[in-house]
Amino acid sequence: MRASTCFAKRGTKCKCLIVSRCSGYKRCPFYKGNVQYRADLNAAYIHLRRLPPEAQRAIADQYYAGEMPWAPPAPVMDGSEKPLRF
């Protein structure tokens, strides 16, 4: 693994820490590869989906500008769907 595989590295800087240069994955206690980052993010989203809707809305408003990236995408209705038959 190289430091360039860290999810937070942008050029020579870190998008998560206030540092002028990335110290490298061997010395950074916050290093996380892209695969581990996505796995952790997915686990967090699963946790958020299990919360009551009111709590989800409060978190979305506070930290995600009202967006809920953990919610499954709404189905697109383009008119080609077959009507339900009962």
C-alpha atoms as a PDB file:
ATOM      1  CA  MET A   1       0.000   0.000   0.000  1.00  0.00           C
ATOM      2  CA  ARG A   2       1.133   3.488  -0.782  1.00  0.00           C
ATOM      3  CA  ALA A   3      -0.013   6.782   0.720  1.00  0.00           C
ATOM      4  CA  SER A   4      -1.549   7.680  -2.638  1.00  0.00           C
ATOM      5  CA  THR A   5      -4.203   5.023  -1.978  1.00  0.00           C
ATOM      6  CA  CYS A   6      -5.502   6.873   1.081  1.00  0.00           C
ATOM      7  CA  PHE A   7      -9.062   8.101   0.571  1.00  0.00           C
ATOM      8  CA  ALA A   8      -8.151  11.518   2.023  1.00  0.00           C
ATOM      9  CA  LYS A   9      -5.048  12.301  -0.021  1.00  0.00           C
ATOM     10  CA  ARG A  10      -5.450  15.045  -2.610  1.00  0.00           C
ATOM     11  CA  GLY A  11      -2.135  15.705  -4.313  1.00  0.00           C
ATOM     12  CA  THR A  12       0.305  16.227  -1.456  1.00  0.00           C
ATOM     13  CA  LYS A  13      -2.364  17.390   0.996  1.00  0.00           C
ATOM     14  CA  CYS A  14      -4.855  15.674   3.264  1.00  0.00           C
ATOM     15  CA  LYS A  15      -8.535  16.623   2.898  1.00  0.00           C
ATOM     16  CA  CYS A  16      -9.291  15.531   6.493  1.00  0.00           C
ATOM     17  CA  LEU A  17      -6.442  16.999   8.506  1.00  0.00           C
ATOM     18  CA  ILE A  18      -5.047  20.518   8.620  1.00  0.00           C
ATOM     19  CA  VAL A  19      -1.551  19.708   7.437  1.00  0.00           C
ATOM     20  CA  SER A  20       0.514  21.101   4.594  1.00  0.00           C
ATOM     21  CA  ARG A  21       1.758  17.671   3.482  1.00  0.00           C
ATOM     22  CA  CYS A  22       0.616  14.097   3.832  1.00  0.00           C
ATOM     23  CA  SER A  23       2.891  12.316   6.297  1.00  0.00           C
ATOM     24  CA  GLY A  24       2.467   8.988   4.517  1.00  0.00           C
ATOM     25  CA  TYR A  25       0.460   5.958   5.442  1.00  0.00           C
ATOM     26  CA  LYS A  26       3.122   4.478   7.735  1.00  0.00           C
ATOM     27  CA  ARG A  27       3.044   7.498  10.042  1.00  0.00           C
ATOM     28  CA  CYS A  28      -0.561   8.668   9.726  1.00  0.00           C
ATOM     29  CA  PRO A  29      -2.936   7.338  12.404  1.00  0.00           C
ATOM     30  CA  PHE A  30      -5.892   8.314  10.203  1.00  0.00           C
ATOM     31  CA  TYR A  31      -4.772   6.415   7.093  1.00  0.00           C
ATOM     32  CA  LYS A  32      -7.556   4.449   5.466  1.00  0.00           C
ATOM     33  CA  GLY A  33      -7.440   2.883   2.041  1.00  0.00           C
ATOM     34  CA  ASN A  34     -10.260   3.426  -0.427  1.00  0.00           C
ATOM     35  CA  VAL A  35     -11.689  -0.078   0.082  1.00  0.00           C
ATOM     36  CA  GLN A  36     -11.753   0.293   3.864  1.00  0.00           C
ATOM     37  CA  TYR A  37     -13.214   3.809   3.549  1.00  0.00           C
ATOM     38  CA  ARG A  38     -16.094   2.551   1.392  1.00  0.00           C
ATOM     39  CA  ALA A  39     -16.733  -0.391   3.737  1.00  0.00           C
ATOM     40  CA  ASP A  40     -16.841   1.922   6.770  1.00  0.00           C
ATOM     41  CA  LEU A  41     -19.083   4.395   4.953  1.00  0.00           C
ATOM     42  CA  ASN A  42     -21.447   1.593   3.952  1.00  0.00           C
ATOM     43  CA  ALA A  43     -21.599   0.365   7.565  1.00  0.00           C
ATOM     44  CA  ALA A  44     -22.416   3.906   8.732  1.00  0.00           C
ATOM     45  CA  TYR A  45     -25.152   4.236   6.102  1.00  0.00           C
ATOM     46  CA  ILE A  46     -26.674   0.914   7.194  1.00  0.00           C
ATOM     47  CA  HIS A  47     -26.749   2.228  10.762  1.00  0.00           C
ATOM     48  CA  LEU A  48     -28.375   5.498   9.656  1.00  0.00           C
ATOM     49  CA  ARG A  49     -31.060   3.625   7.672  1.00  0.00           C
ATOM     50  CA  ARG A  50     -32.066   1.784  10.861  1.00  0.00           C
ATOM     51  CA  LEU A  51     -32.753   5.002  12.770  1.00  0.00           C
ATOM     52  CA  PRO A  52     -36.291   6.393  13.049  1.00  0.00           C
ATOM     53  CA  PRO A  53     -37.216   8.785  10.210  1.00  0.00           C
ATOM     54  CA  GLU A  54     -37.199  11.789  12.562  1.00  0.00           C
ATOM     55  CA  ALA A  55     -33.627  11.059  13.640  1.00  0.00           C
ATOM     56  CA  GLN A  56     -32.550  10.548  10.021  1.00  0.00           C
ATOM     57  CA  ARG A  57     -34.084  13.903   9.053  1.00  0.00           C
ATOM     58  CA  ALA A  58     -32.340  15.674  11.958  1.00  0.00           C
ATOM     59  CA  ILE A  59     -28.960  14.183  10.974  1.00  0.00           C
ATOM     60  CA  ALA A  60     -29.518  15.022   7.308  1.00  0.00           C
ATOM     61  CA  ASP A  61     -30.398  18.619   8.154  1.00  0.00           C
ATOM     62  CA  GLN A  62     -27.465  19.036  10.547  1.00  0.00           C
ATOM     63  CA  TYR A  63     -24.649  17.365   8.612  1.00  0.00           C
ATOM     64  CA  TYR A  64     -25.732  16.766   5.000  1.00  0.00           C
ATOM     65  CA  ALA A  65     -27.562  19.990   4.018  1.00  0.00           C
ATOM     66  CA  GLY A  66     -30.858  18.110   4.099  1.00  0.00           C
ATOM     67  CA  GLU A  67     -29.644  15.307   1.804  1.00  0.00           C
ATOM     68  CA  MET A  68     -29.840  11.648   2.857  1.00  0.00           C
ATOM     69  CA  PRO A  69     -27.086   9.857   0.918  1.00  0.00           C
ATOM     70  CA  TRP A  70     -27.768   6.670   2.876  1.00  0.00           C
ATOM     71  CA  ALA A  71     -31.359   6.405   1.639  1.00  0.00           C
ATOM     72  CA  PRO A  72     -31.924   4.092  -1.310  1.00  0.00           C
ATOM     73  CA  PRO A  73     -32.535   6.020  -4.537  1.00  0.00           C
ATOM     74  CA  ALA A  74     -36.160   6.603  -5.419  1.00  0.00           C
ATOM     75  CA  PRO A  75     -37.367   4.579  -8.398  1.00  0.00           C
ATOM     76  CA  VAL A  76     -37.594   6.513 -11.634  1.00  0.00           C
ATOM     77  CA  MET A  77     -41.098   6.545 -13.036  1.00  0.00           C
ATOM     78  CA  ASP A  78     -40.827   7.126 -16.762  1.00  0.00           C
ATOM     79  CA  GLY A  79     -44.280   5.893 -17.730  1.00  0.00           C
ATOM     80  CA  SER A  80     -43.074   2.580 -19.132  1.00  0.00           C
ATOM     81  CA  GLU A  81     -44.009   0.640 -15.999  1.00  0.00           C
ATOM     82  CA  LYS A  82     -46.738  -1.933 -16.307  1.00  0.00           C
ATOM     83  CA  PRO A  83     -49.835  -1.238 -14.220  1.00  0.00           C
ATOM     84  CA  LEU A  84     -50.427  -3.452 -11.218  1.00  0.00           C
ATOM     85  CA  ARG A  85     -53.143  -6.046 -11.654  1.00  0.00           C
ATOM     86  CA  PHE A  86     -55.236  -7.191  -8.757  1.00  0.00           C
END
